[in-house]
Amino acid sequence: PILLDANTTPMQTLAQIPGQAVRIK
């Protein structure tokens, strides 16, 4: 949504499979 100029979303994000991720502001 940030890339689409929407600051929020009503949907939840979840990881399907355990693993590593990178978080960037």
mmCIF file of all heavy atoms, coordinates in Angstrom:
data_MODEL
# 
_entry.id   MODEL 
# 
loop_
_atom_site.group_PDB 
_atom_site.id 
_atom_site.type_symbol 
_atom_site.label_atom_id 
_atom_site.label_alt_id 
_atom_site.label_comp_id 
_atom_site.label_asym_id 
_atom_site.label_entity_id 
_atom_site.label_seq_id 
_atom_site.pdbx_PDB_ins_code 
_atom_site.Cartn_x 
_atom_site.Cartn_y 
_atom_site.Cartn_z 
_atom_site.occupancy 
_atom_site.B_iso_or_equiv 
_atom_site.pdbx_formal_charge 
_atom_site.auth_seq_id 
_atom_site.auth_comp_id 
_atom_site.auth_asym_id 
_atom_site.auth_atom_id 
_atom_site.pdbx_PDB_model_num 
ATOM 1   N N   . PRO A 1 1  ? 0.807  -1.232  0.000  1.00 0.00 ? 1  PRO A N   1 
ATOM 2   C CA  . PRO A 1 1  ? 0.000  0.000   0.000  1.00 0.00 ? 1  PRO A CA  1 
ATOM 3   C C   . PRO A 1 1  ? 0.837  1.278   0.000  1.00 0.00 ? 1  PRO A C   1 
ATOM 4   O O   . PRO A 1 1  ? 0.430  2.287   -0.574 1.00 0.00 ? 1  PRO A O   1 
ATOM 5   C CB  . PRO A 1 1  ? -0.836 -0.125  1.284  1.00 0.00 ? 1  PRO A CB  1 
ATOM 6   C CG  . PRO A 1 1  ? -0.978 -1.596  1.468  1.00 0.00 ? 1  PRO A CG  1 
ATOM 7   C CD  . PRO A 1 1  ? 0.349  -2.174  1.029  1.00 0.00 ? 1  PRO A CD  1 
ATOM 8   N N   . ILE A 1 2  ? 2.015  1.243   0.611  1.00 0.00 ? 2  ILE A N   1 
ATOM 9   C CA  . ILE A 1 2  ? 2.893  2.426   0.632  1.00 0.00 ? 2  ILE A CA  1 
ATOM 10  C C   . ILE A 1 2  ? 3.271  2.817   -0.796 1.00 0.00 ? 2  ILE A C   1 
ATOM 11  O O   . ILE A 1 2  ? 3.306  3.991   -1.146 1.00 0.00 ? 2  ILE A O   1 
ATOM 12  C CB  . ILE A 1 2  ? 4.165  2.142   1.464  1.00 0.00 ? 2  ILE A CB  1 
ATOM 13  C CG1 . ILE A 1 2  ? 3.813  1.913   2.929  1.00 0.00 ? 2  ILE A CG1 1 
ATOM 14  C CG2 . ILE A 1 2  ? 5.204  3.243   1.312  1.00 0.00 ? 2  ILE A CG2 1 
ATOM 15  C CD1 . ILE A 1 2  ? 3.162  3.086   3.628  1.00 0.00 ? 2  ILE A CD1 1 
ATOM 16  N N   . LEU A 1 3  ? 3.538  1.837   -1.632 1.00 0.00 ? 3  LEU A N   1 
ATOM 17  C CA  . LEU A 1 3  ? 3.917  2.114   -3.021 1.00 0.00 ? 3  LEU A CA  1 
ATOM 18  C C   . LEU A 1 3  ? 2.739  2.630   -3.843 1.00 0.00 ? 3  LEU A C   1 
ATOM 19  O O   . LEU A 1 3  ? 2.933  3.252   -4.878 1.00 0.00 ? 3  LEU A O   1 
ATOM 20  C CB  . LEU A 1 3  ? 4.494  0.857   -3.672 1.00 0.00 ? 3  LEU A CB  1 
ATOM 21  C CG  . LEU A 1 3  ? 5.692  0.232   -2.963 1.00 0.00 ? 3  LEU A CG  1 
ATOM 22  C CD1 . LEU A 1 3  ? 6.133  -1.027  -3.697 1.00 0.00 ? 3  LEU A CD1 1 
ATOM 23  C CD2 . LEU A 1 3  ? 6.833  1.218   -2.841 1.00 0.00 ? 3  LEU A CD2 1 
ATOM 24  N N   . LEU A 1 4  ? 1.537  2.362   -3.374 1.00 0.00 ? 4  LEU A N   1 
ATOM 25  C CA  . LEU A 1 4  ? 0.326  2.787   -4.075 1.00 0.00 ? 4  LEU A CA  1 
ATOM 26  C C   . LEU A 1 4  ? -0.268 4.050   -3.455 1.00 0.00 ? 4  LEU A C   1 
ATOM 27  O O   . LEU A 1 4  ? -1.422 4.391   -3.702 1.00 0.00 ? 4  LEU A O   1 
ATOM 28  C CB  . LEU A 1 4  ? -0.706 1.646   -4.051 1.00 0.00 ? 4  LEU A CB  1 
ATOM 29  C CG  . LEU A 1 4  ? -0.247 0.335   -4.693 1.00 0.00 ? 4  LEU A CG  1 
ATOM 30  C CD1 . LEU A 1 4  ? -1.282 -0.754  -4.483 1.00 0.00 ? 4  LEU A CD1 1 
ATOM 31  C CD2 . LEU A 1 4  ? 0.054  0.532   -6.171 1.00 0.00 ? 4  LEU A CD2 1 
ATOM 32  N N   . ASP A 1 5  ? 0.538  4.740   -2.655 1.00 0.00 ? 5  ASP A N   1 
ATOM 33  C CA  . ASP A 1 5  ? 0.147  5.975   -1.973 1.00 0.00 ? 5  ASP A CA  1 
ATOM 34  C C   . ASP A 1 5  ? -1.028 5.793   -1.017 1.00 0.00 ? 5  ASP A C   1 
ATOM 35  O O   . ASP A 1 5  ? -1.842 6.691   -0.823 1.00 0.00 ? 5  ASP A O   1 
ATOM 36  C CB  . ASP A 1 5  ? -0.150 7.103   -2.978 1.00 0.00 ? 5  ASP A CB  1 
ATOM 37  C CG  . ASP A 1 5  ? 1.113  7.578   -3.681 1.00 0.00 ? 5  ASP A CG  1 
ATOM 38  O OD1 . ASP A 1 5  ? 2.181  7.594   -3.035 1.00 0.00 ? 5  ASP A OD1 1 
ATOM 39  O OD2 . ASP A 1 5  ? 1.044  7.927   -4.873 1.00 0.00 ? 5  ASP A OD2 1 
ATOM 40  N N   . ALA A 1 6  ? -1.127 4.633   -0.422 1.00 0.00 ? 6  ALA A N   1 
ATOM 41  C CA  . ALA A 1 6  ? -2.086 4.366   0.650  1.00 0.00 ? 6  ALA A CA  1 
ATOM 42  C C   . ALA A 1 6  ? -1.249 4.063   1.895  1.00 0.00 ? 6  ALA A C   1 
ATOM 43  O O   . ALA A 1 6  ? -0.389 3.194   1.865  1.00 0.00 ? 6  ALA A O   1 
ATOM 44  C CB  . ALA A 1 6  ? -2.974 3.185   0.289  1.00 0.00 ? 6  ALA A CB  1 
ATOM 45  N N   . ASN A 1 7  ? -1.478 4.775   2.950  1.00 0.00 ? 7  ASN A N   1 
ATOM 46  C CA  . ASN A 1 7  ? -0.624 4.620   4.128  1.00 0.00 ? 7  ASN A CA  1 
ATOM 47  C C   . ASN A 1 7  ? -1.006 3.450   5.018  1.00 0.00 ? 7  ASN A C   1 
ATOM 48  O O   . ASN A 1 7  ? -0.206 3.027   5.851  1.00 0.00 ? 7  ASN A O   1 
ATOM 49  C CB  . ASN A 1 7  ? -0.615 5.910   4.948  1.00 0.00 ? 7  ASN A CB  1 
ATOM 50  C CG  . ASN A 1 7  ? 0.076  7.031   4.201  1.00 0.00 ? 7  ASN A CG  1 
ATOM 51  O OD1 . ASN A 1 7  ? 1.001  6.792   3.440  1.00 0.00 ? 7  ASN A OD1 1 
ATOM 52  N ND2 . ASN A 1 7  ? -0.386 8.246   4.383  1.00 0.00 ? 7  ASN A ND2 1 
ATOM 53  N N   . THR A 1 8  ? -2.211 2.943   4.871  1.00 0.00 ? 8  THR A N   1 
ATOM 54  C CA  . THR A 1 8  ? -2.655 1.831   5.710  1.00 0.00 ? 8  THR A CA  1 
ATOM 55  C C   . THR A 1 8  ? -3.459 0.857   4.866  1.00 0.00 ? 8  THR A C   1 
ATOM 56  O O   . THR A 1 8  ? -3.830 1.154   3.732  1.00 0.00 ? 8  THR A O   1 
ATOM 57  C CB  . THR A 1 8  ? -3.554 2.310   6.873  1.00 0.00 ? 8  THR A CB  1 
ATOM 58  O OG1 . THR A 1 8  ? -4.732 2.906   6.323  1.00 0.00 ? 8  THR A OG1 1 
ATOM 59  C CG2 . THR A 1 8  ? -2.835 3.302   7.768  1.00 0.00 ? 8  THR A CG2 1 
ATOM 60  N N   . THR A 1 9  ? -3.719 -0.305  5.440  1.00 0.00 ? 9  THR A N   1 
ATOM 61  C CA  . THR A 1 9  ? -4.552 -1.299  4.787  1.00 0.00 ? 9  THR A CA  1 
ATOM 62  C C   . THR A 1 9  ? -5.401 -1.977  5.851  1.00 0.00 ? 9  THR A C   1 
ATOM 63  O O   . THR A 1 9  ? -4.956 -2.140  6.993  1.00 0.00 ? 9  THR A O   1 
ATOM 64  C CB  . THR A 1 9  ? -3.703 -2.346  4.024  1.00 0.00 ? 9  THR A CB  1 
ATOM 65  O OG1 . THR A 1 9  ? -4.574 -3.278  3.398  1.00 0.00 ? 9  THR A OG1 1 
ATOM 66  C CG2 . THR A 1 9  ? -2.757 -3.087  4.943  1.00 0.00 ? 9  THR A CG2 1 
ATOM 67  N N   . PRO A 1 10 ? -6.617 -2.361  5.505  1.00 0.00 ? 10 PRO A N   1 
ATOM 68  C CA  . PRO A 1 10 ? -7.447 -3.064  6.491  1.00 0.00 ? 10 PRO A CA  1 
ATOM 69  C C   . PRO A 1 10 ? -7.088 -4.540  6.615  1.00 0.00 ? 10 PRO A C   1 
ATOM 70  O O   . PRO A 1 10 ? -7.633 -5.239  7.442  1.00 0.00 ? 10 PRO A O   1 
ATOM 71  C CB  . PRO A 1 10 ? -8.865 -2.897  5.928  1.00 0.00 ? 10 PRO A CB  1 
ATOM 72  C CG  . PRO A 1 10 ? -8.670 -2.786  4.450  1.00 0.00 ? 10 PRO A CG  1 
ATOM 73  C CD  . PRO A 1 10 ? -7.357 -2.065  4.287  1.00 0.00 ? 10 PRO A CD  1 
ATOM 74  N N   . MET A 1 11 ? -6.157 -5.006  5.798  1.00 0.00 ? 11 MET A N   1 
ATOM 75  C CA  . MET A 1 11 ? -5.795 -6.419  5.789  1.00 0.00 ? 11 MET A CA  1 
ATOM 76  C C   . MET A 1 11 ? -4.629 -6.703  6.718  1.00 0.00 ? 11 MET A C   1 
ATOM 77  O O   . MET A 1 11 ? -3.797 -5.837  6.979  1.00 0.00 ? 11 MET A O   1 
ATOM 78  C CB  . MET A 1 11 ? -5.458 -6.867  4.366  1.00 0.00 ? 11 MET A CB  1 
ATOM 79  C CG  . MET A 1 11 ? -6.641 -6.756  3.413  1.00 0.00 ? 11 MET A CG  1 
ATOM 80  S SD  . MET A 1 11 ? -6.265 -7.255  1.744  1.00 0.00 ? 11 MET A SD  1 
ATOM 81  C CE  . MET A 1 11 ? -5.200 -5.944  1.202  1.00 0.00 ? 11 MET A CE  1 
ATOM 82  N N   . GLN A 1 12 ? -4.583 -7.943  7.181  1.00 0.00 ? 12 GLN A N   1 
ATOM 83  C CA  . GLN A 1 12 ? -3.513 -8.399  8.041  1.00 0.00 ? 12 GLN A CA  1 
ATOM 84  C C   . GLN A 1 12 ? -2.441 -9.055  7.177  1.00 0.00 ? 12 GLN A C   1 
ATOM 85  O O   . GLN A 1 12 ? -2.740 -9.706  6.174  1.00 0.00 ? 12 GLN A O   1 
ATOM 86  C CB  . GLN A 1 12 ? -4.074 -9.418  9.028  1.00 0.00 ? 12 GLN A CB  1 
ATOM 87  C CG  . GLN A 1 12 ? -3.071 -10.000 9.969  1.00 0.00 ? 12 GLN A CG  1 
ATOM 88  C CD  . GLN A 1 12 ? -3.677 -11.065 10.870 1.00 0.00 ? 12 GLN A CD  1 
ATOM 89  O OE1 . GLN A 1 12 ? -4.688 -11.675 10.542 1.00 0.00 ? 12 GLN A OE1 1 
ATOM 90  N NE2 . GLN A 1 12 ? -3.058 -11.299 12.003 1.00 0.00 ? 12 GLN A NE2 1 
ATOM 91  N N   . THR A 1 13 ? -1.193 -8.895  7.544  1.00 0.00 ? 13 THR A N   1 
ATOM 92  C CA  . THR A 1 13 ? -0.087 -9.560  6.863  1.00 0.00 ? 13 THR A CA  1 
ATOM 93  C C   . THR A 1 13 ? 0.463  -10.624 7.794  1.00 0.00 ? 13 THR A C   1 
ATOM 94  O O   . THR A 1 13 ? 0.644  -10.376 8.980  1.00 0.00 ? 13 THR A O   1 
ATOM 95  C CB  . THR A 1 13 ? 1.023  -8.554  6.513  1.00 0.00 ? 13 THR A CB  1 
ATOM 96  O OG1 . THR A 1 13 ? 0.480  -7.543  5.661  1.00 0.00 ? 13 THR A OG1 1 
ATOM 97  C CG2 . THR A 1 13 ? 2.186  -9.236  5.826  1.00 0.00 ? 13 THR A CG2 1 
ATOM 98  N N   . LEU A 1 14 ? 0.695  -11.806 7.253  1.00 0.00 ? 14 LEU A N   1 
ATOM 99  C CA  . LEU A 1 14 ? 1.267  -12.865 8.070  1.00 0.00 ? 14 LEU A CA  1 
ATOM 100 C C   . LEU A 1 14 ? 2.255  -13.661 7.251  1.00 0.00 ? 14 LEU A C   1 
ATOM 101 O O   . LEU A 1 14 ? 2.189  -13.711 6.035  1.00 0.00 ? 14 LEU A O   1 
ATOM 102 C CB  . LEU A 1 14 ? 0.181  -13.782 8.642  1.00 0.00 ? 14 LEU A CB  1 
ATOM 103 C CG  . LEU A 1 14 ? -0.748 -14.479 7.652  1.00 0.00 ? 14 LEU A CG  1 
ATOM 104 C CD1 . LEU A 1 14 ? -0.261 -15.880 7.393  1.00 0.00 ? 14 LEU A CD1 1 
ATOM 105 C CD2 . LEU A 1 14 ? -2.146 -14.501 8.221  1.00 0.00 ? 14 LEU A CD2 1 
ATOM 106 N N   . ALA A 1 15 ? 3.192  -14.265 7.956  1.00 0.00 ? 15 ALA A N   1 
ATOM 107 C CA  . ALA A 1 15 ? 4.184  -15.122 7.311  1.00 0.00 ? 15 ALA A CA  1 
ATOM 108 C C   . ALA A 1 15 ? 3.595  -16.526 7.225  1.00 0.00 ? 15 ALA A C   1 
ATOM 109 O O   . ALA A 1 15 ? 3.133  -17.075 8.219  1.00 0.00 ? 15 ALA A O   1 
ATOM 110 C CB  . ALA A 1 15 ? 5.469  -15.136 8.103  1.00 0.00 ? 15 ALA A CB  1 
ATOM 111 N N   . GLN A 1 16 ? 3.608  -17.080 6.047  1.00 0.00 ? 16 GLN A N   1 
ATOM 112 C CA  . GLN A 1 16 ? 3.050  -18.407 5.816  1.00 0.00 ? 16 GLN A CA  1 
ATOM 113 C C   . GLN A 1 16 ? 3.977  -19.496 6.327  1.00 0.00 ? 16 GLN A C   1 
ATOM 114 O O   . GLN A 1 16 ? 3.541  -20.493 6.880  1.00 0.00 ? 16 GLN A O   1 
ATOM 115 C CB  . GLN A 1 16 ? 2.815  -18.577 4.316  1.00 0.00 ? 16 GLN A CB  1 
ATOM 116 C CG  . GLN A 1 16 ? 2.363  -19.956 3.920  1.00 0.00 ? 16 GLN A CG  1 
ATOM 117 C CD  . GLN A 1 16 ? 2.124  -20.052 2.432  1.00 0.00 ? 16 GLN A CD  1 
ATOM 118 O OE1 . GLN A 1 16 ? 1.527  -19.185 1.836  1.00 0.00 ? 16 GLN A OE1 1 
ATOM 119 N NE2 . GLN A 1 16 ? 2.600  -21.119 1.833  1.00 0.00 ? 16 GLN A NE2 1 
ATOM 120 N N   . ILE A 1 17 ? 5.262  -19.310 6.115  1.00 0.00 ? 17 ILE A N   1 
ATOM 121 C CA  . ILE A 1 17 ? 6.253  -20.330 6.455  1.00 0.00 ? 17 ILE A CA  1 
ATOM 122 C C   . ILE A 1 17 ? 7.361  -19.661 7.262  1.00 0.00 ? 17 ILE A C   1 
ATOM 123 O O   . ILE A 1 17 ? 7.819  -18.576 6.896  1.00 0.00 ? 17 ILE A O   1 
ATOM 124 C CB  . ILE A 1 17 ? 6.821  -20.972 5.171  1.00 0.00 ? 17 ILE A CB  1 
ATOM 125 C CG1 . ILE A 1 17 ? 5.704  -21.716 4.433  1.00 0.00 ? 17 ILE A CG1 1 
ATOM 126 C CG2 . ILE A 1 17 ? 7.976  -21.909 5.480  1.00 0.00 ? 17 ILE A CG2 1 
ATOM 127 C CD1 . ILE A 1 17 ? 6.097  -22.294 3.109  1.00 0.00 ? 17 ILE A CD1 1 
ATOM 128 N N   . PRO A 1 18 ? 7.803  -20.281 8.350  1.00 0.00 ? 18 PRO A N   1 
ATOM 129 C CA  . PRO A 1 18 ? 8.883  -19.683 9.149  1.00 0.00 ? 18 PRO A CA  1 
ATOM 130 C C   . PRO A 1 18 ? 10.142 -19.472 8.306  1.00 0.00 ? 18 PRO A C   1 
ATOM 131 O O   . PRO A 1 18 ? 10.431 -20.245 7.395  1.00 0.00 ? 18 PRO A O   1 
ATOM 132 C CB  . PRO A 1 18 ? 9.148  -20.739 10.230 1.00 0.00 ? 18 PRO A CB  1 
ATOM 133 C CG  . PRO A 1 18 ? 7.930  -21.587 10.271 1.00 0.00 ? 18 PRO A CG  1 
ATOM 134 C CD  . PRO A 1 18 ? 7.350  -21.556 8.892  1.00 0.00 ? 18 PRO A CD  1 
ATOM 135 N N   . GLY A 1 19 ? 10.841 -18.418 8.602  1.00 0.00 ? 19 GLY A N   1 
ATOM 136 C CA  . GLY A 1 19 ? 12.077 -18.127 7.888  1.00 0.00 ? 19 GLY A CA  1 
ATOM 137 C C   . GLY A 1 19 ? 12.613 -16.773 8.317  1.00 0.00 ? 19 GLY A C   1 
ATOM 138 O O   . GLY A 1 19 ? 12.205 -16.229 9.336  1.00 0.00 ? 19 GLY A O   1 
ATOM 139 N N   . GLN A 1 20 ? 13.487 -16.227 7.517  1.00 0.00 ? 20 GLN A N   1 
ATOM 140 C CA  . GLN A 1 20 ? 14.091 -14.936 7.815  1.00 0.00 ? 20 GLN A CA  1 
ATOM 141 C C   . GLN A 1 20 ? 13.446 -13.866 6.951  1.00 0.00 ? 20 GLN A C   1 
ATOM 142 O O   . GLN A 1 20 ? 12.978 -14.143 5.843  1.00 0.00 ? 20 GLN A O   1 
ATOM 143 C CB  . GLN A 1 20 ? 15.583 -14.985 7.567  1.00 0.00 ? 20 GLN A CB  1 
ATOM 144 C CG  . GLN A 1 20 ? 16.305 -15.932 8.500  1.00 0.00 ? 20 GLN A CG  1 
ATOM 145 C CD  . GLN A 1 20 ? 17.800 -15.921 8.276  1.00 0.00 ? 20 GLN A CD  1 
ATOM 146 O OE1 . GLN A 1 20 ? 18.299 -15.418 7.273  1.00 0.00 ? 20 GLN A OE1 1 
ATOM 147 N NE2 . GLN A 1 20 ? 18.536 -16.489 9.217  1.00 0.00 ? 20 GLN A NE2 1 
ATOM 148 N N   . ALA A 1 21 ? 13.474 -12.648 7.449  1.00 0.00 ? 21 ALA A N   1 
ATOM 149 C CA  . ALA A 1 21 ? 12.924 -11.516 6.711  1.00 0.00 ? 21 ALA A CA  1 
ATOM 150 C C   . ALA A 1 21 ? 13.773 -10.287 7.014  1.00 0.00 ? 21 ALA A C   1 
ATOM 151 O O   . ALA A 1 21 ? 14.506 -10.245 7.998  1.00 0.00 ? 21 ALA A O   1 
ATOM 152 C CB  . ALA A 1 21 ? 11.477 -11.275 7.113  1.00 0.00 ? 21 ALA A CB  1 
ATOM 153 N N   . VAL A 1 22 ? 13.642 -9.310  6.162  1.00 0.00 ? 22 VAL A N   1 
ATOM 154 C CA  . VAL A 1 22 ? 14.311 -8.030  6.348  1.00 0.00 ? 22 VAL A CA  1 
ATOM 155 C C   . VAL A 1 22 ? 13.215 -6.982  6.512  1.00 0.00 ? 22 VAL A C   1 
ATOM 156 O O   . VAL A 1 22 ? 12.242 -6.983  5.756  1.00 0.00 ? 22 VAL A O   1 
ATOM 157 C CB  . VAL A 1 22 ? 15.201 -7.682  5.128  1.00 0.00 ? 22 VAL A CB  1 
ATOM 158 C CG1 . VAL A 1 22 ? 15.789 -6.295  5.264  1.00 0.00 ? 22 VAL A CG1 1 
ATOM 159 C CG2 . VAL A 1 22 ? 16.285 -8.722  4.943  1.00 0.00 ? 22 VAL A CG2 1 
ATOM 160 N N   . ARG A 1 23 ? 13.390 -6.122  7.478  1.00 0.00 ? 23 ARG A N   1 
ATOM 161 C CA  . ARG A 1 23 ? 12.421 -5.052  7.698  1.00 0.00 ? 23 ARG A CA  1 
ATOM 162 C C   . ARG A 1 23 ? 13.082 -3.728  7.357  1.00 0.00 ? 23 ARG A C   1 
ATOM 163 O O   . ARG A 1 23 ? 14.159 -3.413  7.880  1.00 0.00 ? 23 ARG A O   1 
ATOM 164 C CB  . ARG A 1 23 ? 11.941 -5.059  9.136  1.00 0.00 ? 23 ARG A CB  1 
ATOM 165 C CG  . ARG A 1 23 ? 10.863 -4.036  9.392  1.00 0.00 ? 23 ARG A CG  1 
ATOM 166 C CD  . ARG A 1 23 ? 10.309 -4.178  10.784 1.00 0.00 ? 23 ARG A CD  1 
ATOM 167 N NE  . ARG A 1 23 ? 9.230  -3.229  10.946 1.00 0.00 ? 23 ARG A NE  1 
ATOM 168 C CZ  . ARG A 1 23 ? 8.494  -3.152  12.017 1.00 0.00 ? 23 ARG A CZ  1 
ATOM 169 N NH1 . ARG A 1 23 ? 8.700  -3.978  13.022 1.00 0.00 ? 23 ARG A NH1 1 
ATOM 170 N NH2 . ARG A 1 23 ? 7.544  -2.273  12.098 1.00 0.00 ? 23 ARG A NH2 1 
ATOM 171 N N   . ILE A 1 24 ? 12.438 -2.984  6.469  1.00 0.00 ? 24 ILE A N   1 
ATOM 172 C CA  . ILE A 1 24 ? 12.940 -1.675  6.054  1.00 0.00 ? 24 ILE A CA  1 
ATOM 173 C C   . ILE A 1 24 ? 11.830 -0.664  6.287  1.00 0.00 ? 24 ILE A C   1 
ATOM 174 O O   . ILE A 1 24 ? 10.667 -0.929  5.966  1.00 0.00 ? 24 ILE A O   1 
ATOM 175 C CB  . ILE A 1 24 ? 13.350 -1.688  4.562  1.00 0.00 ? 24 ILE A CB  1 
ATOM 176 C CG1 . ILE A 1 24 ? 14.406 -2.762  4.311  1.00 0.00 ? 24 ILE A CG1 1 
ATOM 177 C CG2 . ILE A 1 24 ? 13.847 -0.313  4.129  1.00 0.00 ? 24 ILE A CG2 1 
ATOM 178 C CD1 . ILE A 1 24 ? 14.723 -2.978  2.836  1.00 0.00 ? 24 ILE A CD1 1 
ATOM 179 N N   . LYS A 1 25 ? 12.175 0.471   6.820  1.00 0.00 ? 25 LYS A N   1 
ATOM 180 C CA  . LYS A 1 25 ? 11.177 1.506   7.078  1.00 0.00 ? 25 LYS A CA  1 
ATOM 181 C C   . LYS A 1 25 ? 10.480 1.899   5.773  1.00 0.00 ? 25 LYS A C   1 
ATOM 182 O O   . LYS A 1 25 ? 11.109 2.010   4.720  1.00 0.00 ? 25 LYS A O   1 
ATOM 183 C CB  . LYS A 1 25 ? 11.813 2.733   7.722  1.00 0.00 ? 25 LYS A CB  1 
ATOM 184 C CG  . LYS A 1 25 ? 12.285 2.476   9.145  1.00 0.00 ? 25 LYS A CG  1 
ATOM 185 C CD  . LYS A 1 25 ? 12.785 3.761   9.772  1.00 0.00 ? 25 LYS A CD  1 
ATOM 186 C CE  . LYS A 1 25 ? 13.272 3.492   11.159 1.00 0.00 ? 25 LYS A CE  1 
ATOM 187 N NZ  . LYS A 1 25 ? 12.278 3.591   12.174 1.00 0.00 ? 25 LYS A NZ  1 
# 
